[in-house]
Amino acid sequence: MFTDWNVSLAEAKAAVAAGYEEDAKAKADIRAEGLRALEYMEEHDLKGIVLAGRPYHVDPEIHHGIPEIITSLGMVVFTEDSVIDQPLLERPLRVRDQWAYHSRLYEAAARVARDGRLQLVQLTSFGCGVDAITADQVQEILERADDVYTLLKIDEVSNLGAATIRLRSLKAAAAERRGSSEIVTYSEDHAKAPERVVFTEEHKATHTIYAPQMAPIHFRLLMPVLRRAGYKMELLERASRDDIELGLKYVHNDACFPALMVIGQLLGKFERGEADPDHSTVGITQTGGMCRATNYAGLLRKALLDAGYPQVPVLAISVQGLEPSPGFKMTPAMAHRAFQAFVLGDLLQNVLLRVRPYEAVPGAADELYRRWDALCQEFFFHGGHSPASTGASATAG
């Protein structure tokens, strides 16, 4: 990369090492400031607020002076990285925890849960990125320790009267719940996430796996691929208005609408008594990237727990195998057939949408699609042929 500037590999390695060394010094300086602020807080018998936000919330044009409001109320302000020096949480958490900012935020919540002198306030703006995910997880960590979680949504408005009232209420509640200098007697159980129920080999034989409808044409072709591999699959074709209401009830409302829809769809199957929660598994895709879709599985686990179905395993399906599921194996052959299903799904969708606006007989295009959908499903279930395909080539011609 640096050959145009005559930088050797040895020079590049030395520069990277110097960068990491300076990074460690900067982090040590931040922790030293945190210790200094803790000492000040103890000397003056004050409460402290860990003001947790995204890195851009340091900008005064974005945080609108909230740190100054906190200090004017007689409390000390800390950043997340000023109060954490070692891991406190036991992994895995309910959510997918793979980003440094989020991990730091969760560790700060665990630190606050252990110290009665500290409270945590999380800042969010516009429900940015996966803030719906982090907000739920931070709240869980604090509430497991019987602590208070405060979230301030700050967007483009600069009138912070409501935020000031919230912060005053937090100060009063904290003073009532815990003494200013109290170090909480902390059970290690507080650091543990609820036990994750996984899909096992036994479940493969006894459980029906319910999958939400996320791509109508494509998912119909994916089901026979999974059934041929020995999984009892049922695709939930449609979501009702009641399903959407369930999603709104059990999913953080800053989450994207597809999350509300598909999680409400899965919960609705149990709420209506159409599925036995003791013999059911819910399946959801997991991307592994920066999108909230990586954490649909975490949102689904929380929704099942809150709705009263903690025994239902969540099968997070990803090509990378991000979460262990002993009863589910994504083999190369299965992955190959799944890709075939998606390619054929693309083909069927393209020709259907191309032809349907110009059909001479209303419904003829959909009828032809349903025939080829059935043929393709049989092709995948029977391993490369369709028992009903007699005459299909003539139809195609």
Protein backbone atom coordinates (compact mmCIF):
# COMPACT_ATOMS: atom_id res chain seq x y z
CA MET A 1 0.00 0.00 0.00
CA PHE A 2 2.82 2.40 0.83
CA THR A 3 5.32 1.42 -1.88
CA ASP A 4 4.65 4.63 -3.82
CA TRP A 5 6.04 6.53 -0.84
CA ASN A 6 8.98 4.19 -0.28
CA VAL A 7 7.69 2.98 3.07
CA SER A 8 9.14 -0.40 3.94
CA LEU A 9 7.29 -3.21 5.71
CA ALA A 10 9.50 -2.72 8.79
CA GLU A 11 8.62 1.00 8.90
CA ALA A 12 4.92 0.22 8.52
CA LYS A 13 5.03 -2.33 11.36
CA ALA A 14 6.89 0.15 13.59
CA ALA A 15 4.31 2.83 12.85
CA VAL A 16 1.41 0.49 13.69
CA ALA A 17 3.10 -0.56 16.93
CA ALA A 18 3.64 3.10 17.86
CA GLY A 19 -0.02 3.78 17.10
CA TYR A 20 -1.20 0.99 19.39
CA GLU A 21 1.15 2.22 22.11
CA GLU A 22 -0.27 5.74 21.87
CA ASP A 23 -3.81 4.33 21.86
CA ALA A 24 -3.06 2.47 25.11
CA LYS A 25 -1.68 5.67 26.66
CA ALA A 26 -4.79 7.62 25.69
CA LYS A 27 -7.07 4.99 27.22
CA ALA A 28 -4.96 4.94 30.38
CA ASP A 29 -5.29 8.74 30.60
CA ILE A 30 -9.07 8.44 30.31
CA ARG A 31 -9.21 5.84 33.10
CA ALA A 32 -6.95 8.03 35.28
CA GLU A 33 -9.39 10.91 34.83
CA GLY A 34 -12.21 8.57 35.81
CA LEU A 35 -10.39 7.64 39.03
CA ARG A 36 -9.77 11.32 39.75
CA ALA A 37 -13.47 12.09 39.27
CA LEU A 38 -14.42 9.17 41.55
CA GLU A 39 -12.17 10.56 44.27
CA TYR A 40 -13.74 14.00 43.86
CA MET A 41 -17.19 12.43 44.04
CA GLU A 42 -16.35 10.64 47.30
CA GLU A 43 -14.74 13.71 48.89
CA HIS A 44 -17.87 15.79 48.22
CA ASP A 45 -20.44 13.01 48.80
CA LEU A 46 -21.90 13.32 45.29
CA LYS A 47 -23.59 10.98 42.83
CA GLY A 48 -22.06 10.18 39.47
CA ILE A 49 -23.68 9.79 36.05
CA VAL A 50 -22.10 7.62 33.39
CA LEU A 51 -23.27 9.51 30.32
CA ALA A 52 -23.26 6.80 27.69
CA GLY A 53 -23.56 7.79 24.07
CA ARG A 54 -22.11 7.28 20.67
CA PRO A 55 -18.76 8.95 20.04
CA TYR A 56 -20.45 11.84 18.24
CA HIS A 57 -22.44 12.69 21.38
CA VAL A 58 -19.25 14.31 22.71
CA ASP A 59 -19.99 17.16 20.26
CA PRO A 60 -21.69 20.08 22.11
CA GLU A 61 -23.81 20.75 19.02
CA ILE A 62 -25.31 17.27 19.44
CA HIS A 63 -25.53 16.76 23.21
CA HIS A 64 -26.95 20.30 23.71
CA GLY A 65 -25.17 20.84 27.03
CA ILE A 66 -26.54 17.79 28.87
CA PRO A 67 -23.20 17.22 30.68
CA GLU A 68 -23.39 20.78 32.03
CA ILE A 69 -26.99 20.23 33.12
CA ILE A 70 -25.87 17.16 35.09
CA THR A 71 -23.04 19.00 36.84
CA SER A 72 -25.39 21.91 37.61
CA LEU A 73 -27.58 19.40 39.46
CA GLY A 74 -24.64 18.49 41.68
CA MET A 75 -23.59 15.25 40.00
CA VAL A 76 -20.33 14.16 38.38
CA VAL A 77 -20.17 13.14 34.70
CA PHE A 78 -18.26 10.07 33.48
CA THR A 79 -17.82 8.51 30.05
CA GLU A 80 -18.15 4.75 29.64
CA ASP A 81 -14.44 4.19 29.06
CA SER A 82 -13.48 6.20 32.16
CA VAL A 83 -15.09 3.69 34.54
CA ILE A 84 -14.25 0.29 33.02
CA ASP A 85 -10.87 -1.37 33.31
CA GLN A 86 -11.69 -5.09 33.12
CA PRO A 87 -14.51 -7.28 31.73
CA LEU A 88 -17.36 -7.82 34.18
CA LEU A 89 -20.05 -9.48 32.05
CA GLU A 90 -20.23 -13.17 31.30
CA ARG A 91 -20.71 -13.86 27.61
CA PRO A 92 -22.64 -14.63 25.49
CA LEU A 93 -25.20 -11.89 26.05
CA ARG A 94 -28.70 -12.10 24.67
CA VAL A 95 -27.70 -9.84 21.79
CA ARG A 96 -24.94 -10.28 19.23
CA ASP A 97 -22.02 -8.53 20.91
CA GLN A 98 -19.40 -7.95 18.23
CA TRP A 99 -18.75 -4.19 18.15
CA ALA A 100 -16.34 -2.31 20.42
CA TYR A 101 -18.71 0.59 21.14
CA HIS A 102 -21.50 -1.74 22.23
CA SER A 103 -19.23 -3.95 24.32
CA ARG A 104 -17.93 -0.87 26.13
CA LEU A 105 -21.50 0.29 26.76
CA TYR A 106 -22.54 -3.08 28.24
CA GLU A 107 -19.46 -3.23 30.47
CA ALA A 108 -20.19 0.31 31.73
CA ALA A 109 -23.71 -0.81 32.65
CA ALA A 110 -22.27 -3.74 34.60
CA ARG A 111 -19.90 -1.35 36.39
CA VAL A 112 -22.77 0.95 37.34
CA ALA A 113 -24.79 -2.03 38.58
CA ARG A 114 -21.99 -2.80 41.05
CA ASP A 115 -21.62 0.73 42.42
CA GLY A 116 -24.38 2.58 44.26
CA ARG A 117 -22.59 5.86 43.70
CA LEU A 118 -23.15 5.69 39.94
CA GLN A 119 -26.15 5.80 37.62
CA LEU A 120 -26.24 5.41 33.85
CA VAL A 121 -27.93 7.69 31.32
CA GLN A 122 -27.89 6.61 27.67
CA LEU A 123 -28.15 9.18 24.89
CA THR A 124 -29.59 8.26 21.50
CA SER A 125 -30.32 10.30 18.39
CA PHE A 126 -32.81 9.29 15.69
CA GLY A 127 -32.67 5.63 16.82
CA CYS A 128 -29.29 5.52 15.09
CA GLY A 129 -28.01 2.13 13.90
CA VAL A 130 -28.64 -0.55 16.49
CA ASP A 131 -29.58 1.77 19.38
CA ALA A 132 -32.82 -0.18 19.85
CA ILE A 133 -30.66 -3.26 20.49
CA THR A 134 -28.24 -1.59 22.90
CA ALA A 135 -31.02 0.17 24.82
CA ASP A 136 -32.79 -3.12 25.56
CA GLN A 137 -29.57 -4.87 26.58
CA VAL A 138 -28.34 -2.06 28.85
CA GLN A 139 -31.75 -1.91 30.50
CA GLU A 140 -31.64 -5.67 31.15
CA ILE A 141 -28.18 -5.49 32.72
CA LEU A 142 -29.23 -2.70 35.07
CA GLU A 143 -32.63 -4.09 35.98
CA ARG A 144 -31.15 -7.49 36.85
CA ALA A 145 -29.28 -5.57 39.58
CA ASP A 146 -32.48 -3.75 40.61
CA ASP A 147 -31.07 -0.51 39.21
CA VAL A 148 -32.62 2.34 37.22
CA TYR A 149 -32.18 2.76 33.46
CA THR A 150 -32.59 6.22 31.93
CA LEU A 151 -32.70 6.88 28.18
CA LEU A 152 -32.66 10.41 26.72
CA LYS A 153 -33.55 10.80 23.07
CA ILE A 154 -31.91 13.96 21.78
CA ASP A 155 -32.53 14.86 18.17
CA GLU A 156 -32.45 18.30 16.61
CA VAL A 157 -34.39 20.00 19.42
CA SER A 158 -32.51 22.21 21.86
CA ASN A 159 -35.27 22.64 24.48
CA LEU A 160 -34.03 20.35 27.22
CA GLY A 161 -36.62 21.10 29.89
CA ALA A 162 -37.96 17.56 29.77
CA ALA A 163 -34.43 16.12 29.97
CA THR A 164 -33.67 18.28 33.00
CA ILE A 165 -36.81 17.00 34.74
CA ARG A 166 -35.81 13.41 33.96
CA LEU A 167 -32.33 13.95 35.38
CA ARG A 168 -33.69 15.57 38.56
CA SER A 169 -36.06 12.63 39.00
CA LEU A 170 -33.18 10.21 38.50
CA LYS A 171 -31.11 11.99 41.13
CA ALA A 172 -33.98 11.82 43.63
CA ALA A 173 -34.72 8.17 42.86
CA ALA A 174 -31.06 7.21 43.15
CA ALA A 175 -30.72 8.97 46.50
CA GLU A 176 -33.77 7.12 47.81
CA ARG A 177 -32.70 3.70 46.54
CA ARG A 178 -28.99 3.73 47.45
CA GLY A 179 -26.74 5.73 49.69
CA SER A 180 -24.24 8.04 48.02
CA SER A 181 -21.17 6.04 49.04
CA GLU A 182 -22.67 2.56 48.91
CA ILE A 183 -20.85 -0.20 47.06
CA VAL A 184 -23.53 -2.70 46.13
CA THR A 185 -23.32 -6.25 47.41
CA TYR A 186 -23.26 -7.74 43.98
CA SER A 187 -24.15 -11.31 43.12
CA GLU A 188 -22.37 -12.75 40.13
CA ASP A 189 -25.80 -13.82 38.91
CA HIS A 190 -26.41 -10.16 38.07
CA ALA A 191 -23.73 -10.38 35.38
CA LYS A 192 -25.30 -13.38 33.70
CA ALA A 193 -27.70 -13.19 30.81
CA PRO A 194 -30.72 -15.53 30.90
CA GLU A 195 -29.68 -18.99 29.74
CA ARG A 196 -29.92 -19.26 25.98
CA VAL A 197 -32.20 -22.09 24.81
CA VAL A 198 -30.60 -23.71 21.77
CA PHE A 199 -31.93 -26.03 19.10
CA THR A 200 -30.60 -29.54 19.88
CA GLU A 201 -30.45 -32.90 18.13
CA GLU A 202 -33.46 -34.01 20.19
CA HIS A 203 -35.40 -30.94 19.04
CA LYS A 204 -34.78 -31.87 15.40
CA ALA A 205 -36.89 -35.01 15.92
CA THR A 206 -39.64 -33.49 18.07
CA HIS A 207 -39.92 -29.80 17.16
CA THR A 208 -41.62 -27.95 14.34
CA ILE A 209 -39.55 -24.99 13.18
CA TYR A 210 -41.67 -21.93 12.36
CA ALA A 211 -40.19 -19.45 9.91
CA PRO A 212 -41.53 -15.96 9.19
CA GLN A 213 -42.33 -14.90 5.66
CA MET A 214 -39.59 -12.42 4.70
CA ALA A 215 -39.47 -12.95 0.91
CA PRO A 216 -42.64 -14.66 -0.34
CA ILE A 217 -41.42 -16.30 -3.55
CA HIS A 218 -37.94 -17.18 -2.32
CA PHE A 219 -38.83 -18.53 1.13
CA ARG A 220 -41.39 -20.93 -0.35
CA LEU A 221 -38.56 -22.55 -2.28
CA LEU A 222 -36.26 -22.61 0.74
CA MET A 223 -38.70 -24.67 2.83
CA PRO A 224 -38.38 -27.92 0.83
CA VAL A 225 -34.58 -27.58 0.94
CA LEU A 226 -34.76 -27.66 4.74
CA ARG A 227 -37.46 -30.34 4.86
CA ARG A 228 -35.37 -32.63 2.66
CA ALA A 229 -32.55 -32.21 5.20
CA GLY A 230 -34.85 -33.62 7.90
CA TYR A 231 -36.24 -30.46 9.52
CA LYS A 232 -39.96 -30.05 10.17
CA MET A 233 -40.53 -26.61 8.69
CA GLU A 234 -43.65 -24.47 8.57
CA LEU A 235 -43.63 -21.13 6.78
CA LEU A 236 -45.96 -18.49 8.19
CA GLU A 237 -47.25 -17.04 4.95
CA ARG A 238 -49.09 -13.95 6.16
CA ALA A 239 -49.00 -11.49 9.04
CA SER A 240 -52.21 -10.03 10.44
CA ARG A 241 -52.85 -6.69 12.07
CA ASP A 242 -52.88 -8.52 15.42
CA ASP A 243 -49.37 -9.81 14.65
CA ILE A 244 -48.17 -6.26 14.08
CA GLU A 245 -49.68 -5.21 17.40
CA LEU A 246 -47.84 -8.08 19.09
CA GLY A 247 -44.62 -6.87 17.52
CA LEU A 248 -45.23 -3.36 18.79
CA LYS A 249 -45.93 -4.76 22.24
CA TYR A 250 -42.84 -6.95 22.58
CA VAL A 251 -40.21 -5.32 20.34
CA HIS A 252 -38.44 -2.02 21.02
CA ASN A 253 -40.32 0.47 18.85
CA ASP A 254 -37.11 2.03 17.51
CA ALA A 255 -36.40 -1.29 15.79
CA CYS A 256 -37.11 -1.46 12.07
CA PHE A 257 -40.58 -2.42 10.88
CA PRO A 258 -39.57 -5.84 9.45
CA ALA A 259 -38.43 -6.84 12.96
CA LEU A 260 -41.79 -5.84 14.43
CA MET A 261 -43.57 -7.72 11.66
CA VAL A 262 -41.72 -11.04 11.68
CA ILE A 263 -41.40 -11.29 15.47
CA GLY A 264 -45.08 -10.46 15.90
CA GLN A 265 -45.85 -13.10 13.27
CA LEU A 266 -43.97 -15.78 15.20
CA LEU A 267 -45.42 -14.79 18.57
CA GLY A 268 -48.91 -14.79 17.08
CA LYS A 269 -48.60 -18.50 16.37
CA PHE A 270 -48.31 -19.15 20.12
CA GLU A 271 -50.72 -16.46 21.28
CA ARG A 272 -53.50 -17.93 19.13
CA GLY A 273 -52.80 -21.43 20.47
CA GLU A 274 -51.84 -22.73 17.02
CA ALA A 275 -48.45 -24.06 18.13
CA ASP A 276 -47.24 -25.99 21.18
CA PRO A 277 -44.40 -23.96 22.74
CA ASP A 278 -42.95 -27.15 24.26
CA HIS A 279 -42.49 -28.69 20.81
CA SER A 280 -41.73 -25.64 18.71
CA THR A 281 -38.67 -23.75 17.56
CA VAL A 282 -38.66 -20.37 15.84
CA GLY A 283 -36.22 -19.72 13.02
CA ILE A 284 -34.77 -16.38 11.99
CA THR A 285 -32.00 -15.37 9.62
CA GLN A 286 -28.83 -13.70 10.91
CA THR A 287 -26.65 -11.61 8.63
CA GLY A 288 -23.54 -11.03 10.76
CA GLY A 289 -23.06 -7.48 9.49
CA MET A 290 -23.61 -4.02 10.98
CA CYS A 291 -27.35 -4.00 10.26
CA ARG A 292 -29.91 -4.58 12.99
CA ALA A 293 -30.83 -7.79 11.15
CA THR A 294 -27.86 -9.42 12.88
CA ASN A 295 -29.76 -8.99 16.15
CA TYR A 296 -33.23 -10.15 15.11
CA ALA A 297 -32.46 -13.34 17.03
CA GLY A 298 -31.76 -11.33 20.20
CA LEU A 299 -34.95 -9.31 19.78
CA LEU A 300 -36.88 -12.54 19.27
CA ARG A 301 -35.44 -14.13 22.43
CA LYS A 302 -36.47 -11.11 24.50
CA ALA A 303 -39.95 -11.10 22.98
CA LEU A 304 -40.46 -14.82 23.71
CA LEU A 305 -39.26 -14.36 27.29
CA ASP A 306 -41.50 -11.34 27.89
CA ALA A 307 -44.50 -13.04 26.29
CA GLY A 308 -44.14 -16.10 28.54
CA TYR A 309 -42.49 -18.63 26.18
CA PRO A 310 -38.93 -18.90 27.53
CA GLN A 311 -38.70 -22.59 26.60
CA VAL A 312 -38.90 -21.95 22.85
CA PRO A 313 -35.48 -22.24 21.16
CA VAL A 314 -34.43 -19.59 18.65
CA LEU A 315 -32.65 -21.03 15.62
CA ALA A 316 -30.50 -18.27 14.17
CA ILE A 317 -29.64 -19.32 10.62
CA SER A 318 -26.52 -17.83 9.08
CA VAL A 319 -24.02 -19.00 6.51
CA GLN A 320 -21.23 -18.16 8.98
CA GLY A 321 -22.75 -20.24 11.82
CA LEU A 322 -22.62 -17.26 14.19
CA GLU A 323 -24.57 -18.98 16.98
CA PRO A 324 -24.23 -22.63 18.08
CA SER A 325 -27.25 -24.80 17.31
CA PRO A 326 -26.30 -28.46 17.82
CA GLY A 327 -29.41 -29.69 16.04
CA PHE A 328 -28.89 -27.67 12.87
CA LYS A 329 -26.04 -28.16 10.43
CA MET A 330 -25.59 -25.95 7.39
CA THR A 331 -23.83 -28.43 5.13
CA PRO A 332 -22.21 -27.39 1.83
CA ALA A 333 -24.86 -29.38 -0.08
CA MET A 334 -27.68 -27.64 1.80
CA ALA A 335 -26.11 -24.22 1.24
CA HIS A 336 -25.74 -25.02 -2.46
CA ARG A 337 -29.41 -25.98 -2.76
CA ALA A 338 -30.42 -22.87 -0.81
CA PHE A 339 -28.53 -20.69 -3.29
CA GLN A 340 -30.24 -22.56 -6.12
CA ALA A 341 -33.59 -21.82 -4.47
CA PHE A 342 -32.80 -18.11 -4.28
CA VAL A 343 -31.68 -18.01 -7.92
CA LEU A 344 -34.88 -19.76 -9.07
CA GLY A 345 -36.84 -17.44 -6.78
CA ASP A 346 -35.28 -14.47 -8.55
CA LEU A 347 -36.22 -15.98 -11.91
CA LEU A 348 -39.84 -16.67 -10.93
CA GLN A 349 -40.24 -13.22 -9.40
CA ASN A 350 -38.76 -11.47 -12.43
CA VAL A 351 -40.95 -13.24 -14.98
CA LEU A 352 -44.08 -12.93 -12.83
CA LEU A 353 -43.68 -9.18 -12.30
CA ARG A 354 -42.76 -8.73 -15.96
CA VAL A 355 -45.77 -10.61 -17.33
CA ARG A 356 -48.57 -9.90 -14.85
CA PRO A 357 -49.29 -6.27 -15.86
CA TYR A 358 -49.96 -7.40 -19.44
CA GLU A 359 -51.97 -10.60 -18.91
CA ALA A 360 -54.97 -10.98 -21.18
CA VAL A 361 -56.85 -13.19 -18.68
CA PRO A 362 -56.90 -11.81 -15.09
CA GLY A 363 -55.12 -14.23 -12.75
CA ALA A 364 -53.41 -16.22 -15.52
CA ALA A 365 -49.90 -15.08 -14.56
CA ASP A 366 -50.43 -15.99 -10.89
CA GLU A 367 -51.84 -19.37 -11.90
CA LEU A 368 -48.77 -20.07 -14.05
CA TYR A 369 -46.51 -18.93 -11.20
CA ARG A 370 -48.23 -21.28 -8.74
CA ARG A 371 -47.64 -24.21 -11.13
CA TRP A 372 -43.94 -23.48 -11.46
CA ASP A 373 -43.63 -22.77 -7.76
CA ALA A 374 -45.02 -26.26 -7.09
CA LEU A 375 -42.66 -27.82 -9.64
CA CYS A 376 -39.64 -26.06 -8.15
CA GLN A 377 -40.62 -27.08 -4.61
CA GLU A 378 -40.90 -30.70 -5.73
CA PHE A 379 -37.54 -30.39 -7.50
CA PHE A 380 -35.84 -29.37 -4.24
CA PHE A 381 -37.69 -31.82 -1.99
CA HIS A 382 -37.13 -34.85 -4.22
CA GLY A 383 -33.49 -34.09 -4.92
CA GLY A 384 -33.44 -32.89 -8.50
CA HIS A 385 -36.71 -34.04 -10.08
CA SER A 386 -40.42 -33.29 -9.81
CA PRO A 387 -43.00 -36.13 -9.83
CA ALA A 388 -45.56 -33.68 -11.20
CA SER A 389 -43.35 -32.36 -13.99
CA THR A 390 -44.83 -34.49 -16.77
CA GLY A 391 -45.49 -32.15 -19.62
CA ALA A 392 -43.65 -29.29 -17.94
CA SER A 393 -41.25 -28.91 -20.83
CA ALA A 394 -44.16 -28.63 -23.25
CA THR A 395 -45.74 -26.00 -21.01
CA ALA A 396 -42.44 -24.14 -20.92
CA GLY A 397 -42.25 -24.25 -24.70
